Amino acid sequence: MAIEVESKFQAASQRTLQRLATIDRLGRARLGAATVGLELDRYLDTAGERLAAAGWACRLRTRDNRTIVSLKGTAPSVVGDRSGLHRRPEVEGPATANLDPSTWPASAALELLLALVGGESLEERLTLDQRRTERDVLLDGERVATLSLDEVAVLDAAGRSVGRMLVVELEHAGDTDAGEMAAVAEALRADAELAPDPLTKLEHASHLIAASRATE
């Protein structure tokens, strides 16, 4: 099972994201050209939240008319010094926008999902509607990570907007040397307009939804 390794940060403003979309380097790493895409992330669970209880999150991501299902471990995995470094298991596979997983193509992700839900139906718990800017992070001409700059609108299960997030993620690629990646991440931690984030987008979104319900 693959392990996703990434450093997460909260950005102070949209101008922070715009600046990071145009700078040439992070530390000694060179940044590639920026590409922009629109993504719709729908987080699913059963009515009784079997996935959350088992320590997993299920995300359906649609971009450019292509949908992928991602199962991500939700157990605490952040480095204790609050550096914003996250490590968690991840399994991905092809899917469709249909919430019935039996209609999706076969994959390891689908197999795991069906085992976890035990025949129960899936429901949409929340949606993240995001504009994502991505840049390759290059060391000595080799891509070692992806820098993602995300403007995120959070919608509850009824489609109501409950808040926004500005997120920066540095996702490691493959077997990148840990020391080299630490140096690149340190360049982000040294940025006064970025704050290392111990929480995932799903956790932030869940807090926003809970706060919205509390005011109803």
N, C-alpha and C. Protein backbone atom coordinates (compact mmCIF):
# COMPACT_ATOMS: atom_id res chain seq x y z
N MET A 1 0.84 -1.19 0.00
CA MET A 1 0.00 0.00 0.00
C MET A 1 0.88 1.24 0.00
N ALA A 2 0.56 2.18 -0.89
CA ALA A 2 1.35 3.40 -1.00
C ALA A 2 1.19 4.27 0.23
N ILE A 3 2.24 5.01 0.56
CA ILE A 3 2.21 5.97 1.66
C ILE A 3 2.33 7.37 1.07
N GLU A 4 1.32 8.18 1.28
CA GLU A 4 1.35 9.57 0.84
C GLU A 4 2.13 10.40 1.86
N VAL A 5 3.10 11.17 1.37
CA VAL A 5 3.91 12.02 2.23
C VAL A 5 3.81 13.45 1.70
N GLU A 6 3.33 14.36 2.52
CA GLU A 6 3.22 15.74 2.08
C GLU A 6 3.30 16.69 3.26
N SER A 7 3.75 17.90 2.96
CA SER A 7 3.77 18.98 3.95
C SER A 7 2.63 19.93 3.62
N LYS A 8 1.84 20.30 4.64
CA LYS A 8 0.66 21.12 4.44
C LYS A 8 0.82 22.46 5.16
N PHE A 9 0.30 23.51 4.51
CA PHE A 9 0.39 24.85 5.07
C PHE A 9 -0.91 25.60 4.80
N GLN A 10 -1.25 26.52 5.70
CA GLN A 10 -2.33 27.48 5.46
C GLN A 10 -1.71 28.77 4.96
N ALA A 11 -2.29 29.32 3.89
CA ALA A 11 -1.78 30.57 3.31
C ALA A 11 -2.53 31.77 3.88
N ALA A 12 -1.82 32.88 4.03
CA ALA A 12 -2.42 34.07 4.64
C ALA A 12 -3.44 34.72 3.72
N SER A 13 -3.24 34.67 2.40
CA SER A 13 -4.13 35.37 1.49
C SER A 13 -3.99 34.79 0.08
N GLN A 14 -4.89 35.21 -0.81
CA GLN A 14 -4.78 34.81 -2.21
C GLN A 14 -3.50 35.36 -2.83
N ARG A 15 -3.06 36.52 -2.37
CA ARG A 15 -1.82 37.08 -2.90
C ARG A 15 -0.63 36.18 -2.59
N THR A 16 -0.69 35.48 -1.45
CA THR A 16 0.36 34.52 -1.12
C THR A 16 0.40 33.41 -2.17
N LEU A 17 -0.77 32.88 -2.53
CA LEU A 17 -0.82 31.83 -3.55
C LEU A 17 -0.34 32.37 -4.90
N GLN A 18 -0.73 33.59 -5.23
CA GLN A 18 -0.31 34.17 -6.50
C GLN A 18 1.20 34.34 -6.55
N ARG A 19 1.80 34.71 -5.44
CA ARG A 19 3.26 34.85 -5.40
C ARG A 19 3.95 33.51 -5.59
N LEU A 20 3.44 32.48 -4.90
CA LEU A 20 4.05 31.16 -5.01
C LEU A 20 3.85 30.56 -6.40
N ALA A 21 2.87 31.07 -7.14
CA ALA A 21 2.64 30.59 -8.49
C ALA A 21 3.62 31.19 -9.49
N THR A 22 4.39 32.20 -9.07
CA THR A 22 5.26 32.89 -10.02
C THR A 22 6.75 32.86 -9.65
N ILE A 23 7.09 32.51 -8.40
CA ILE A 23 8.51 32.50 -8.02
C ILE A 23 9.24 31.38 -8.77
N ASP A 24 10.55 31.52 -8.88
CA ASP A 24 11.35 30.57 -9.65
C ASP A 24 11.85 29.39 -8.84
N ARG A 25 12.07 29.61 -7.51
CA ARG A 25 12.74 28.57 -6.74
C ARG A 25 12.14 28.44 -5.34
N LEU A 26 12.32 27.25 -4.76
CA LEU A 26 12.09 26.98 -3.34
C LEU A 26 13.40 26.44 -2.80
N GLY A 27 14.12 27.25 -2.02
CA GLY A 27 15.45 26.82 -1.61
C GLY A 27 16.30 26.60 -2.85
N ARG A 28 16.93 25.42 -2.94
CA ARG A 28 17.73 25.14 -4.13
C ARG A 28 16.94 24.42 -5.21
N ALA A 29 15.66 24.14 -4.95
CA ALA A 29 14.81 23.47 -5.93
C ALA A 29 14.25 24.49 -6.93
N ARG A 30 14.18 24.07 -8.18
CA ARG A 30 13.59 24.91 -9.22
C ARG A 30 12.12 24.53 -9.38
N LEU A 31 11.27 25.52 -9.67
CA LEU A 31 9.85 25.29 -9.84
C LEU A 31 9.47 25.34 -11.31
N GLY A 32 8.68 24.35 -11.76
CA GLY A 32 8.23 24.32 -13.14
C GLY A 32 7.08 25.27 -13.39
N ALA A 33 6.61 25.26 -14.63
CA ALA A 33 5.51 26.14 -15.02
C ALA A 33 4.24 25.79 -14.25
N ALA A 34 3.44 26.79 -14.00
CA ALA A 34 2.19 26.60 -13.26
C ALA A 34 1.08 26.15 -14.21
N THR A 35 0.33 25.14 -13.78
CA THR A 35 -0.87 24.71 -14.50
C THR A 35 -2.05 24.83 -13.56
N VAL A 36 -3.20 25.21 -14.10
CA VAL A 36 -4.38 25.47 -13.28
C VAL A 36 -5.51 24.53 -13.70
N GLY A 37 -6.18 23.95 -12.71
CA GLY A 37 -7.31 23.08 -12.98
C GLY A 37 -8.39 23.23 -11.92
N LEU A 38 -9.61 22.87 -12.28
CA LEU A 38 -10.74 22.89 -11.36
C LEU A 38 -11.04 21.47 -10.92
N GLU A 39 -11.16 21.27 -9.62
CA GLU A 39 -11.40 19.94 -9.07
C GLU A 39 -12.62 19.97 -8.15
N LEU A 40 -13.41 18.91 -8.22
CA LEU A 40 -14.53 18.74 -7.31
C LEU A 40 -14.28 17.49 -6.49
N ASP A 41 -14.07 17.67 -5.20
CA ASP A 41 -13.79 16.55 -4.29
C ASP A 41 -15.03 16.28 -3.44
N ARG A 42 -15.60 15.10 -3.56
CA ARG A 42 -16.76 14.71 -2.76
C ARG A 42 -16.31 13.62 -1.78
N TYR A 43 -16.55 13.85 -0.51
CA TYR A 43 -16.17 12.89 0.53
C TYR A 43 -17.39 12.06 0.91
N LEU A 44 -17.20 10.76 0.90
CA LEU A 44 -18.30 9.82 1.08
C LEU A 44 -18.12 8.99 2.34
N ASP A 45 -19.24 8.56 2.91
CA ASP A 45 -19.23 7.60 4.01
C ASP A 45 -20.62 7.00 4.09
N THR A 46 -20.79 5.99 4.90
CA THR A 46 -22.11 5.41 5.12
C THR A 46 -22.88 6.28 6.11
N ALA A 47 -24.16 6.00 6.25
CA ALA A 47 -24.99 6.75 7.20
C ALA A 47 -24.44 6.63 8.61
N GLY A 48 -23.88 5.47 8.94
CA GLY A 48 -23.31 5.27 10.27
C GLY A 48 -21.83 5.56 10.37
N GLU A 49 -21.26 6.16 9.30
CA GLU A 49 -19.85 6.56 9.25
C GLU A 49 -18.90 5.38 9.53
N ARG A 50 -19.13 4.29 8.80
CA ARG A 50 -18.28 3.11 8.98
C ARG A 50 -16.84 3.38 8.57
N LEU A 51 -16.64 4.18 7.52
CA LEU A 51 -15.29 4.46 7.05
C LEU A 51 -14.51 5.25 8.10
N ALA A 52 -15.12 6.30 8.63
CA ALA A 52 -14.44 7.10 9.65
C ALA A 52 -14.11 6.27 10.87
N ALA A 53 -15.04 5.39 11.25
CA ALA A 53 -14.81 4.55 12.43
C ALA A 53 -13.65 3.59 12.21
N ALA A 54 -13.44 3.19 10.94
CA ALA A 54 -12.35 2.27 10.61
C ALA A 54 -11.04 3.00 10.34
N GLY A 55 -11.06 4.35 10.41
CA GLY A 55 -9.84 5.12 10.20
C GLY A 55 -9.53 5.42 8.74
N TRP A 56 -10.59 5.51 7.91
CA TRP A 56 -10.39 5.80 6.49
C TRP A 56 -11.31 6.93 6.03
N ALA A 57 -10.86 7.64 4.99
CA ALA A 57 -11.69 8.63 4.31
C ALA A 57 -11.77 8.24 2.84
N CYS A 58 -12.94 8.45 2.25
CA CYS A 58 -13.15 8.13 0.84
C CYS A 58 -13.44 9.43 0.09
N ARG A 59 -12.61 9.70 -0.94
CA ARG A 59 -12.76 10.93 -1.73
C ARG A 59 -12.96 10.58 -3.20
N LEU A 60 -14.01 11.16 -3.80
CA LEU A 60 -14.20 11.08 -5.24
C LEU A 60 -13.76 12.41 -5.83
N ARG A 61 -12.70 12.39 -6.63
CA ARG A 61 -12.19 13.63 -7.23
C ARG A 61 -12.46 13.62 -8.72
N THR A 62 -13.15 14.66 -9.20
CA THR A 62 -13.44 14.80 -10.62
C THR A 62 -12.70 16.02 -11.16
N ARG A 63 -11.95 15.79 -12.23
CA ARG A 63 -11.20 16.85 -12.89
C ARG A 63 -11.13 16.51 -14.38
N ASP A 64 -11.48 17.48 -15.21
CA ASP A 64 -11.45 17.27 -16.66
C ASP A 64 -12.25 16.03 -17.06
N ASN A 65 -13.43 15.89 -16.48
CA ASN A 65 -14.35 14.78 -16.80
C ASN A 65 -13.78 13.40 -16.45
N ARG A 66 -12.80 13.35 -15.57
CA ARG A 66 -12.23 12.08 -15.12
C ARG A 66 -12.38 12.00 -13.61
N THR A 67 -12.85 10.87 -13.11
CA THR A 67 -13.09 10.71 -11.68
C THR A 67 -12.20 9.61 -11.11
N ILE A 68 -11.60 9.90 -9.96
CA ILE A 68 -10.73 8.95 -9.27
C ILE A 68 -11.21 8.81 -7.84
N VAL A 69 -11.23 7.58 -7.33
CA VAL A 69 -11.54 7.36 -5.92
C VAL A 69 -10.22 7.21 -5.16
N SER A 70 -10.12 7.88 -4.02
CA SER A 70 -8.95 7.78 -3.16
C SER A 70 -9.41 7.39 -1.76
N LEU A 71 -8.81 6.35 -1.22
CA LEU A 71 -9.01 5.98 0.17
C LEU A 71 -7.76 6.38 0.93
N LYS A 72 -7.94 7.20 1.95
CA LYS A 72 -6.81 7.72 2.71
C LYS A 72 -6.97 7.38 4.18
N GLY A 73 -5.89 6.92 4.80
CA GLY A 73 -5.92 6.65 6.22
C GLY A 73 -6.11 7.94 7.00
N THR A 74 -6.91 7.89 8.05
CA THR A 74 -7.20 9.10 8.82
C THR A 74 -6.57 9.07 10.21
N ALA A 75 -5.80 8.01 10.51
CA ALA A 75 -5.15 7.94 11.82
C ALA A 75 -4.16 9.08 11.97
N PRO A 76 -3.98 9.61 13.20
CA PRO A 76 -3.01 10.70 13.40
C PRO A 76 -1.63 10.31 12.87
N SER A 77 -1.07 11.17 12.03
CA SER A 77 0.20 10.82 11.41
C SER A 77 1.10 12.04 11.22
N VAL A 78 0.78 13.12 11.92
CA VAL A 78 1.55 14.35 11.75
C VAL A 78 2.76 14.34 12.68
N VAL A 79 3.87 14.80 12.18
CA VAL A 79 5.08 14.86 12.98
C VAL A 79 4.82 15.72 14.22
N GLY A 80 5.36 15.29 15.36
CA GLY A 80 5.04 15.91 16.63
C GLY A 80 5.46 17.36 16.78
N ASP A 81 6.40 17.83 15.98
CA ASP A 81 6.85 19.21 16.12
C ASP A 81 5.96 20.20 15.37
N ARG A 82 4.78 19.70 14.92
CA ARG A 82 3.84 20.56 14.19
C ARG A 82 4.48 21.19 12.97
N SER A 83 5.30 20.42 12.27
CA SER A 83 5.95 20.92 11.07
C SER A 83 5.01 20.93 9.88
N GLY A 84 3.84 20.31 10.02
CA GLY A 84 2.92 20.21 8.90
C GLY A 84 3.17 19.01 8.02
N LEU A 85 4.08 18.11 8.42
CA LEU A 85 4.38 16.92 7.63
C LEU A 85 3.36 15.82 7.94
N HIS A 86 2.74 15.30 6.89
CA HIS A 86 1.72 14.26 7.02
C HIS A 86 2.18 13.00 6.29
N ARG A 87 1.96 11.86 6.91
CA ARG A 87 2.21 10.56 6.30
C ARG A 87 0.96 9.69 6.52
N ARG A 88 0.41 9.14 5.44
CA ARG A 88 -0.77 8.30 5.60
C ARG A 88 -0.90 7.34 4.42
N PRO A 89 -1.48 6.16 4.66
CA PRO A 89 -1.69 5.22 3.57
C PRO A 89 -2.71 5.76 2.59
N GLU A 90 -2.51 5.41 1.30
CA GLU A 90 -3.42 5.89 0.26
C GLU A 90 -3.56 4.82 -0.81
N VAL A 91 -4.80 4.57 -1.21
CA VAL A 91 -5.09 3.63 -2.30
C VAL A 91 -6.02 4.34 -3.28
N GLU A 92 -5.67 4.31 -4.57
CA GLU A 92 -6.47 5.02 -5.57
C GLU A 92 -6.88 4.10 -6.71
N GLY A 93 -7.95 4.48 -7.39
CA GLY A 93 -8.41 3.72 -8.54
C GLY A 93 -9.41 4.52 -9.35
N PRO A 94 -9.75 4.04 -10.55
CA PRO A 94 -10.73 4.73 -11.39
C PRO A 94 -12.12 4.61 -10.81
N ALA A 95 -12.97 5.60 -11.10
CA ALA A 95 -14.34 5.58 -10.59
C ALA A 95 -15.21 6.39 -11.54
N THR A 96 -16.45 6.58 -11.16
CA THR A 96 -17.37 7.45 -11.88
C THR A 96 -18.03 8.37 -10.85
N ALA A 97 -18.83 9.30 -11.33
CA ALA A 97 -19.53 10.21 -10.42
C ALA A 97 -20.67 9.52 -9.69
N ASN A 98 -21.02 8.32 -10.10
CA ASN A 98 -22.08 7.55 -9.45
C ASN A 98 -21.65 7.14 -8.04
N LEU A 99 -22.54 7.33 -7.06
CA LEU A 99 -22.19 6.99 -5.68
C LEU A 99 -22.30 5.49 -5.39
N ASP A 100 -22.73 4.71 -6.35
CA ASP A 100 -22.80 3.25 -6.18
C ASP A 100 -21.47 2.66 -6.64
N PRO A 101 -20.60 2.23 -5.72
CA PRO A 101 -19.27 1.75 -6.11
C PRO A 101 -19.30 0.48 -6.96
N SER A 102 -20.42 -0.24 -6.95
CA SER A 102 -20.49 -1.45 -7.77
C SER A 102 -20.47 -1.12 -9.25
N THR A 103 -20.67 0.16 -9.60
CA THR A 103 -20.63 0.57 -11.01
C THR A 103 -19.24 1.03 -11.44
N TRP A 104 -18.28 1.06 -10.52
CA TRP A 104 -16.94 1.54 -10.85
C TRP A 104 -16.08 0.41 -11.41
N PRO A 105 -15.03 0.76 -12.16
CA PRO A 105 -14.10 -0.27 -12.64
C PRO A 105 -13.39 -0.94 -11.46
N ALA A 106 -12.99 -2.19 -11.68
CA ALA A 106 -12.29 -2.94 -10.63
C ALA A 106 -10.95 -2.28 -10.32
N SER A 107 -10.59 -2.25 -9.02
CA SER A 107 -9.30 -1.71 -8.57
C SER A 107 -9.08 -2.13 -7.13
N ALA A 108 -7.85 -1.97 -6.66
CA ALA A 108 -7.55 -2.26 -5.26
C ALA A 108 -8.32 -1.33 -4.34
N ALA A 109 -8.52 -0.08 -4.77
CA ALA A 109 -9.28 0.87 -3.96
C ALA A 109 -10.72 0.44 -3.82
N LEU A 110 -11.32 -0.02 -4.91
CA LEU A 110 -12.70 -0.48 -4.87
C LEU A 110 -12.83 -1.70 -3.97
N GLU A 111 -11.90 -2.61 -4.07
CA GLU A 111 -11.93 -3.82 -3.24
C GLU A 111 -11.88 -3.48 -1.76
N LEU A 112 -10.98 -2.56 -1.40
CA LEU A 112 -10.87 -2.15 0.00
C LEU A 112 -12.14 -1.43 0.45
N LEU A 113 -12.68 -0.56 -0.39
CA LEU A 113 -13.87 0.20 -0.03
C LEU A 113 -15.05 -0.74 0.24
N LEU A 114 -15.27 -1.70 -0.63
CA LEU A 114 -16.38 -2.62 -0.46
C LEU A 114 -16.24 -3.43 0.81
N ALA A 115 -15.00 -3.80 1.14
CA ALA A 115 -14.77 -4.54 2.38
C ALA A 115 -15.07 -3.68 3.61
N LEU A 116 -14.75 -2.39 3.52
CA LEU A 116 -14.95 -1.50 4.66
C LEU A 116 -16.41 -1.16 4.90
N VAL A 117 -17.18 -0.97 3.83
CA VAL A 117 -18.57 -0.53 4.01
C VAL A 117 -19.52 -1.70 4.27
N GLY A 118 -19.08 -2.93 3.99
CA GLY A 118 -19.89 -4.10 4.32
C GLY A 118 -21.27 -4.11 3.71
N GLY A 119 -21.38 -3.65 2.47
CA GLY A 119 -22.66 -3.69 1.78
C GLY A 119 -23.55 -2.49 2.01
N GLU A 120 -23.16 -1.57 2.90
CA GLU A 120 -23.98 -0.38 3.14
C GLU A 120 -23.80 0.65 2.02
N SER A 121 -24.81 1.47 1.81
CA SER A 121 -24.76 2.50 0.78
C SER A 121 -23.87 3.66 1.22
N LEU A 122 -23.33 4.36 0.23
CA LEU A 122 -22.50 5.54 0.50
C LEU A 122 -23.33 6.81 0.35
N GLU A 123 -23.01 7.80 1.17
CA GLU A 123 -23.65 9.10 1.11
C GLU A 123 -22.59 10.17 0.98
N GLU A 124 -22.95 11.28 0.35
CA GLU A 124 -22.04 12.41 0.24
C GLU A 124 -22.08 13.20 1.55
N ARG A 125 -20.92 13.33 2.20
CA ARG A 125 -20.86 14.01 3.50
C ARG A 125 -20.52 15.49 3.35
N LEU A 126 -19.64 15.81 2.42
CA LEU A 126 -19.28 17.20 2.15
C LEU A 126 -18.54 17.26 0.82
N THR A 127 -18.40 18.47 0.30
CA THR A 127 -17.75 18.68 -1.00
C THR A 127 -16.75 19.82 -0.89
N LEU A 128 -15.61 19.64 -1.55
CA LEU A 128 -14.62 20.70 -1.68
C LEU A 128 -14.54 21.08 -3.16
N ASP A 129 -14.88 22.31 -3.46
CA ASP A 129 -14.83 22.82 -4.83
C ASP A 129 -13.59 23.70 -4.92
N GLN A 130 -12.57 23.22 -5.64
CA GLN A 130 -11.30 23.94 -5.55
C GLN A 130 -10.69 24.28 -6.90
N ARG A 131 -10.00 25.41 -6.89
CA ARG A 131 -9.17 25.83 -8.01
C ARG A 131 -7.73 25.54 -7.61
N ARG A 132 -7.09 24.64 -8.33
CA ARG A 132 -5.76 24.17 -7.95
C ARG A 132 -4.72 24.60 -8.97
N THR A 133 -3.66 25.22 -8.47
CA THR A 133 -2.50 25.55 -9.29
C THR A 133 -1.37 24.60 -8.89
N GLU A 134 -0.80 23.89 -9.86
CA GLU A 134 0.25 22.91 -9.58
C GLU A 134 1.55 23.30 -10.28
N ARG A 135 2.67 23.03 -9.57
CA ARG A 135 4.00 23.26 -10.15
C ARG A 135 4.90 22.09 -9.78
N ASP A 136 5.67 21.61 -10.76
CA ASP A 136 6.66 20.58 -10.46
C ASP A 136 7.79 21.20 -9.64
N VAL A 137 8.30 20.42 -8.69
CA VAL A 137 9.46 20.82 -7.89
C VAL A 137 10.63 19.97 -8.36
N LEU A 138 11.67 20.62 -8.84
CA LEU A 138 12.77 19.93 -9.52
C LEU A 138 14.09 20.12 -8.80
N LEU A 139 14.81 19.03 -8.58
CA LEU A 139 16.17 19.05 -8.06
C LEU A 139 17.08 18.37 -9.07
N ASP A 140 18.08 19.10 -9.54
CA ASP A 140 19.00 18.57 -10.56
C ASP A 140 18.23 18.03 -11.76
N GLY A 141 17.15 18.72 -12.13
CA GLY A 141 16.37 18.35 -13.30
C GLY A 141 15.37 17.24 -13.09
N GLU A 142 15.33 16.66 -11.90
CA GLU A 142 14.41 15.55 -11.62
C GLU A 142 13.25 16.03 -10.75
N ARG A 143 12.02 15.61 -11.12
CA ARG A 143 10.87 16.01 -10.32
C ARG A 143 10.86 15.24 -9.01
N VAL A 144 10.88 15.96 -7.90
CA VAL A 144 10.92 15.33 -6.58
C VAL A 144 9.64 15.57 -5.80
N ALA A 145 8.80 16.48 -6.27
CA ALA A 145 7.56 16.79 -5.54
C ALA A 145 6.65 17.62 -6.43
N THR A 146 5.42 17.80 -5.97
CA THR A 146 4.47 18.70 -6.61
C THR A 146 4.04 19.75 -5.60
N LEU A 147 4.11 21.00 -5.99
CA LEU A 147 3.63 22.10 -5.16
C LEU A 147 2.22 22.44 -5.62
N SER A 148 1.25 22.33 -4.71
CA SER A 148 -0.15 22.62 -5.03
C SER A 148 -0.61 23.85 -4.25
N LEU A 149 -1.26 24.76 -4.95
CA LEU A 149 -1.77 26.00 -4.37
C LEU A 149 -3.27 26.01 -4.58
N ASP A 150 -4.03 25.83 -3.50
CA ASP A 150 -5.46 25.54 -3.61
C ASP A 150 -6.34 26.61 -2.99
N GLU A 151 -7.31 27.09 -3.78
CA GLU A 151 -8.37 27.95 -3.29
C GLU A 151 -9.61 27.07 -3.18
N VAL A 152 -10.09 26.86 -1.97
CA VAL A 152 -11.08 25.81 -1.70
C VAL A 152 -12.36 26.40 -1.10
N ALA A 153 -13.50 26.08 -1.72
CA ALA A 153 -14.81 26.39 -1.15
C ALA A 153 -15.36 25.12 -0.52
N VAL A 154 -15.84 25.22 0.71
CA VAL A 154 -16.36 24.07 1.46
C VAL A 154 -17.89 24.10 1.42
N LEU A 155 -18.48 22.98 0.98
CA LEU A 155 -19.93 22.86 0.89
C LEU A 155 -20.39 21.70 1.78
N ASP A 156 -21.48 21.89 2.50
CA ASP A 156 -22.00 20.80 3.32
C ASP A 156 -22.79 19.82 2.46
N ALA A 157 -23.39 18.81 3.08
CA ALA A 157 -24.08 17.76 2.32
C ALA A 157 -25.26 18.31 1.53
N ALA A 158 -25.81 19.44 1.97
CA ALA A 158 -26.93 20.06 1.26
C ALA A 158 -26.47 21.03 0.17
N GLY A 159 -25.15 21.16 -0.01
CA GLY A 159 -24.61 22.05 -1.03
C GLY A 159 -24.47 23.49 -0.60
N ARG A 160 -24.63 23.75 0.70
CA ARG A 160 -24.50 25.12 1.20
C ARG A 160 -23.05 25.46 1.50
N SER A 161 -22.62 26.65 1.11
CA SER A 161 -21.26 27.09 1.38
C SER A 161 -21.10 27.41 2.86
N VAL A 162 -20.05 26.86 3.48
CA VAL A 162 -19.82 27.09 4.91
C VAL A 162 -18.46 27.74 5.18
N GLY A 163 -17.67 27.98 4.15
CA GLY A 163 -16.38 28.62 4.38
C GLY A 163 -15.42 28.35 3.24
N ARG A 164 -14.23 28.94 3.37
CA ARG A 164 -13.20 28.82 2.34
C ARG A 164 -11.86 28.51 3.01
N MET A 165 -10.96 27.93 2.23
CA MET A 165 -9.62 27.63 2.71
C MET A 165 -8.62 28.02 1.62
N LEU A 166 -7.44 28.44 2.06
CA LEU A 166 -6.31 28.69 1.17
C LEU A 166 -5.19 27.75 1.63
N VAL A 167 -4.87 26.77 0.80
CA VAL A 167 -4.01 25.66 1.21
C VAL A 167 -2.82 25.51 0.28
N VAL A 168 -1.67 25.28 0.87
CA VAL A 168 -0.45 24.97 0.11
C VAL A 168 0.01 23.58 0.53
N GLU A 169 0.27 22.71 -0.47
CA GLU A 169 0.72 21.36 -0.20
C GLU A 169 1.97 21.05 -1.01
N LEU A 170 2.91 20.42 -0.37
CA LEU A 170 4.13 19.94 -1.03
C LEU A 170 4.11 18.42 -0.94
N GLU A 171 3.72 17.75 -2.02
CA GLU A 171 3.57 16.30 -2.00
C GLU A 171 4.81 15.63 -2.60
N HIS A 172 5.44 14.77 -1.80
CA HIS A 172 6.65 14.09 -2.22
C HIS A 172 6.35 13.12 -3.35
N ALA A 173 7.31 12.95 -4.27
CA ALA A 173 7.16 12.04 -5.39
C ALA A 173 8.05 10.82 -5.19
N GLY A 174 7.43 9.65 -5.13
CA GLY A 174 8.20 8.41 -5.09
C GLY A 174 9.17 8.32 -3.94
N ASP A 175 10.40 7.89 -4.24
CA ASP A 175 11.42 7.64 -3.22
C ASP A 175 12.36 8.82 -3.06
N THR A 176 11.81 10.02 -3.03
CA THR A 176 12.62 11.22 -2.88
C THR A 176 13.40 11.18 -1.57
N ASP A 177 14.66 11.60 -1.61
CA ASP A 177 15.49 11.62 -0.42
C ASP A 177 14.87 12.52 0.64
N ALA A 178 14.71 11.97 1.85
CA ALA A 178 14.03 12.70 2.93
C ALA A 178 14.75 13.99 3.28
N GLY A 179 16.08 13.96 3.27
CA GLY A 179 16.84 15.15 3.60
C GLY A 179 16.63 16.26 2.59
N GLU A 180 16.61 15.90 1.31
CA GLU A 180 16.39 16.90 0.27
C GLU A 180 15.00 17.51 0.39
N MET A 181 14.00 16.66 0.66
CA MET A 181 12.64 17.18 0.78
C MET A 181 12.49 18.05 2.02
N ALA A 182 13.18 17.71 3.08
CA ALA A 182 13.11 18.52 4.30
C ALA A 182 13.61 19.93 4.02
N ALA A 183 14.66 20.03 3.20
CA ALA A 183 15.21 21.34 2.87
C ALA A 183 14.23 22.15 2.04
N VAL A 184 13.52 21.49 1.11
CA VAL A 184 12.53 22.20 0.30
C VAL A 184 11.36 22.65 1.18
N ALA A 185 10.88 21.75 2.05
CA ALA A 185 9.78 22.11 2.94
C ALA A 185 10.17 23.24 3.88
N GLU A 186 11.43 23.27 4.29
CA GLU A 186 11.89 24.32 5.20
C GLU A 186 11.78 25.69 4.55
N ALA A 187 11.97 25.74 3.22
CA ALA A 187 11.82 27.01 2.52
C ALA A 187 10.38 27.52 2.62
N LEU A 188 9.41 26.61 2.65
CA LEU A 188 8.02 27.01 2.84
C LEU A 188 7.76 27.41 4.28
N ARG A 189 8.33 26.64 5.23
CA ARG A 189 8.12 26.97 6.64
C ARG A 189 8.73 28.32 6.99
N ALA A 190 9.75 28.75 6.25
CA ALA A 190 10.38 30.03 6.52
C ALA A 190 9.58 31.20 5.96
N ASP A 191 8.55 30.91 5.17
CA ASP A 191 7.72 31.94 4.56
C ASP A 191 6.77 32.50 5.62
N ALA A 192 6.86 33.79 5.87
CA ALA A 192 6.05 34.42 6.92
C ALA A 192 4.56 34.38 6.62
N GLU A 193 4.18 34.14 5.37
CA GLU A 193 2.77 34.13 5.00
C GLU A 193 2.19 32.71 4.96
N LEU A 194 2.96 31.73 5.43
CA LEU A 194 2.49 30.36 5.49
C LEU A 194 2.59 29.83 6.91
N ALA A 195 1.59 29.04 7.33
CA ALA A 195 1.59 28.43 8.66
C ALA A 195 1.49 26.92 8.50
N PRO A 196 2.46 26.15 9.05
CA PRO A 196 2.36 24.69 8.99
C PRO A 196 1.02 24.22 9.55
N ASP A 197 0.41 23.26 8.85
CA ASP A 197 -0.95 22.85 9.19
C ASP A 197 -0.99 21.40 9.63
N PRO A 198 -1.36 21.12 10.88
CA PRO A 198 -1.43 19.74 11.35
C PRO A 198 -2.71 19.02 10.93
N LEU A 199 -3.66 19.74 10.31
CA LEU A 199 -4.93 19.15 9.94
C LEU A 199 -5.03 18.92 8.44
N THR A 200 -5.89 17.97 8.04
CA THR A 200 -6.17 17.74 6.64
C THR A 200 -7.30 18.65 6.18
N LYS A 201 -7.51 18.72 4.87
CA LYS A 201 -8.64 19.50 4.35
C LYS A 201 -9.96 18.96 4.88
N LEU A 202 -10.08 17.64 4.94
CA LEU A 202 -11.31 17.03 5.44
C LEU A 202 -11.57 17.44 6.88
N GLU A 203 -10.53 17.46 7.71
CA GLU A 203 -10.71 17.86 9.11
C GLU A 203 -11.13 19.33 9.21
N HIS A 204 -10.48 20.20 8.44
CA HIS A 204 -10.87 21.61 8.44
C HIS A 204 -12.32 21.78 7.99
N ALA A 205 -12.69 21.09 6.89
CA ALA A 205 -14.04 21.20 6.37
C ALA A 205 -15.06 20.71 7.39
N SER A 206 -14.77 19.62 8.07
CA SER A 206 -15.69 19.09 9.09
C SER A 206 -15.88 20.08 10.22
N HIS A 207 -14.80 20.77 10.62
CA HIS A 207 -14.91 21.79 11.67
C HIS A 207 -15.78 22.96 11.21
N LEU A 208 -15.62 23.38 9.95
CA LEU A 208 -16.42 24.48 9.42
C LEU A 208 -17.90 24.12 9.39
N ILE A 209 -18.19 22.89 8.99
CA ILE A 209 -19.58 22.44 8.94
C ILE A 209 -20.18 22.38 10.34
N ALA A 210 -19.40 21.86 11.30
CA ALA A 210 -19.88 21.80 12.68
C ALA A 210 -20.15 23.19 13.23
N ALA A 211 -19.26 24.14 12.93
CA ALA A 211 -19.45 25.51 13.40
C ALA A 211 -20.69 26.14 12.77
N SER A 212 -20.92 25.83 11.49
CA SER A 212 -22.10 26.37 10.81
C SER A 212 -23.38 25.83 11.43
N ARG A 213 -23.39 24.54 11.74
CA ARG A 213 -24.57 23.94 12.36
C ARG A 213 -24.84 24.52 13.75
N ALA A 214 -23.77 24.85 14.46
CA ALA A 214 -23.92 25.38 15.81
C ALA A 214 -24.60 26.73 15.83
N THR A 215 -24.54 27.46 14.71
CA THR A 215 -25.14 28.79 14.66
C THR A 215 -26.55 28.79 14.09
N GLU A 216 -27.02 27.61 13.66
CA GLU A 216 -28.35 27.54 13.06
C GLU A 216 -29.45 27.66 14.14
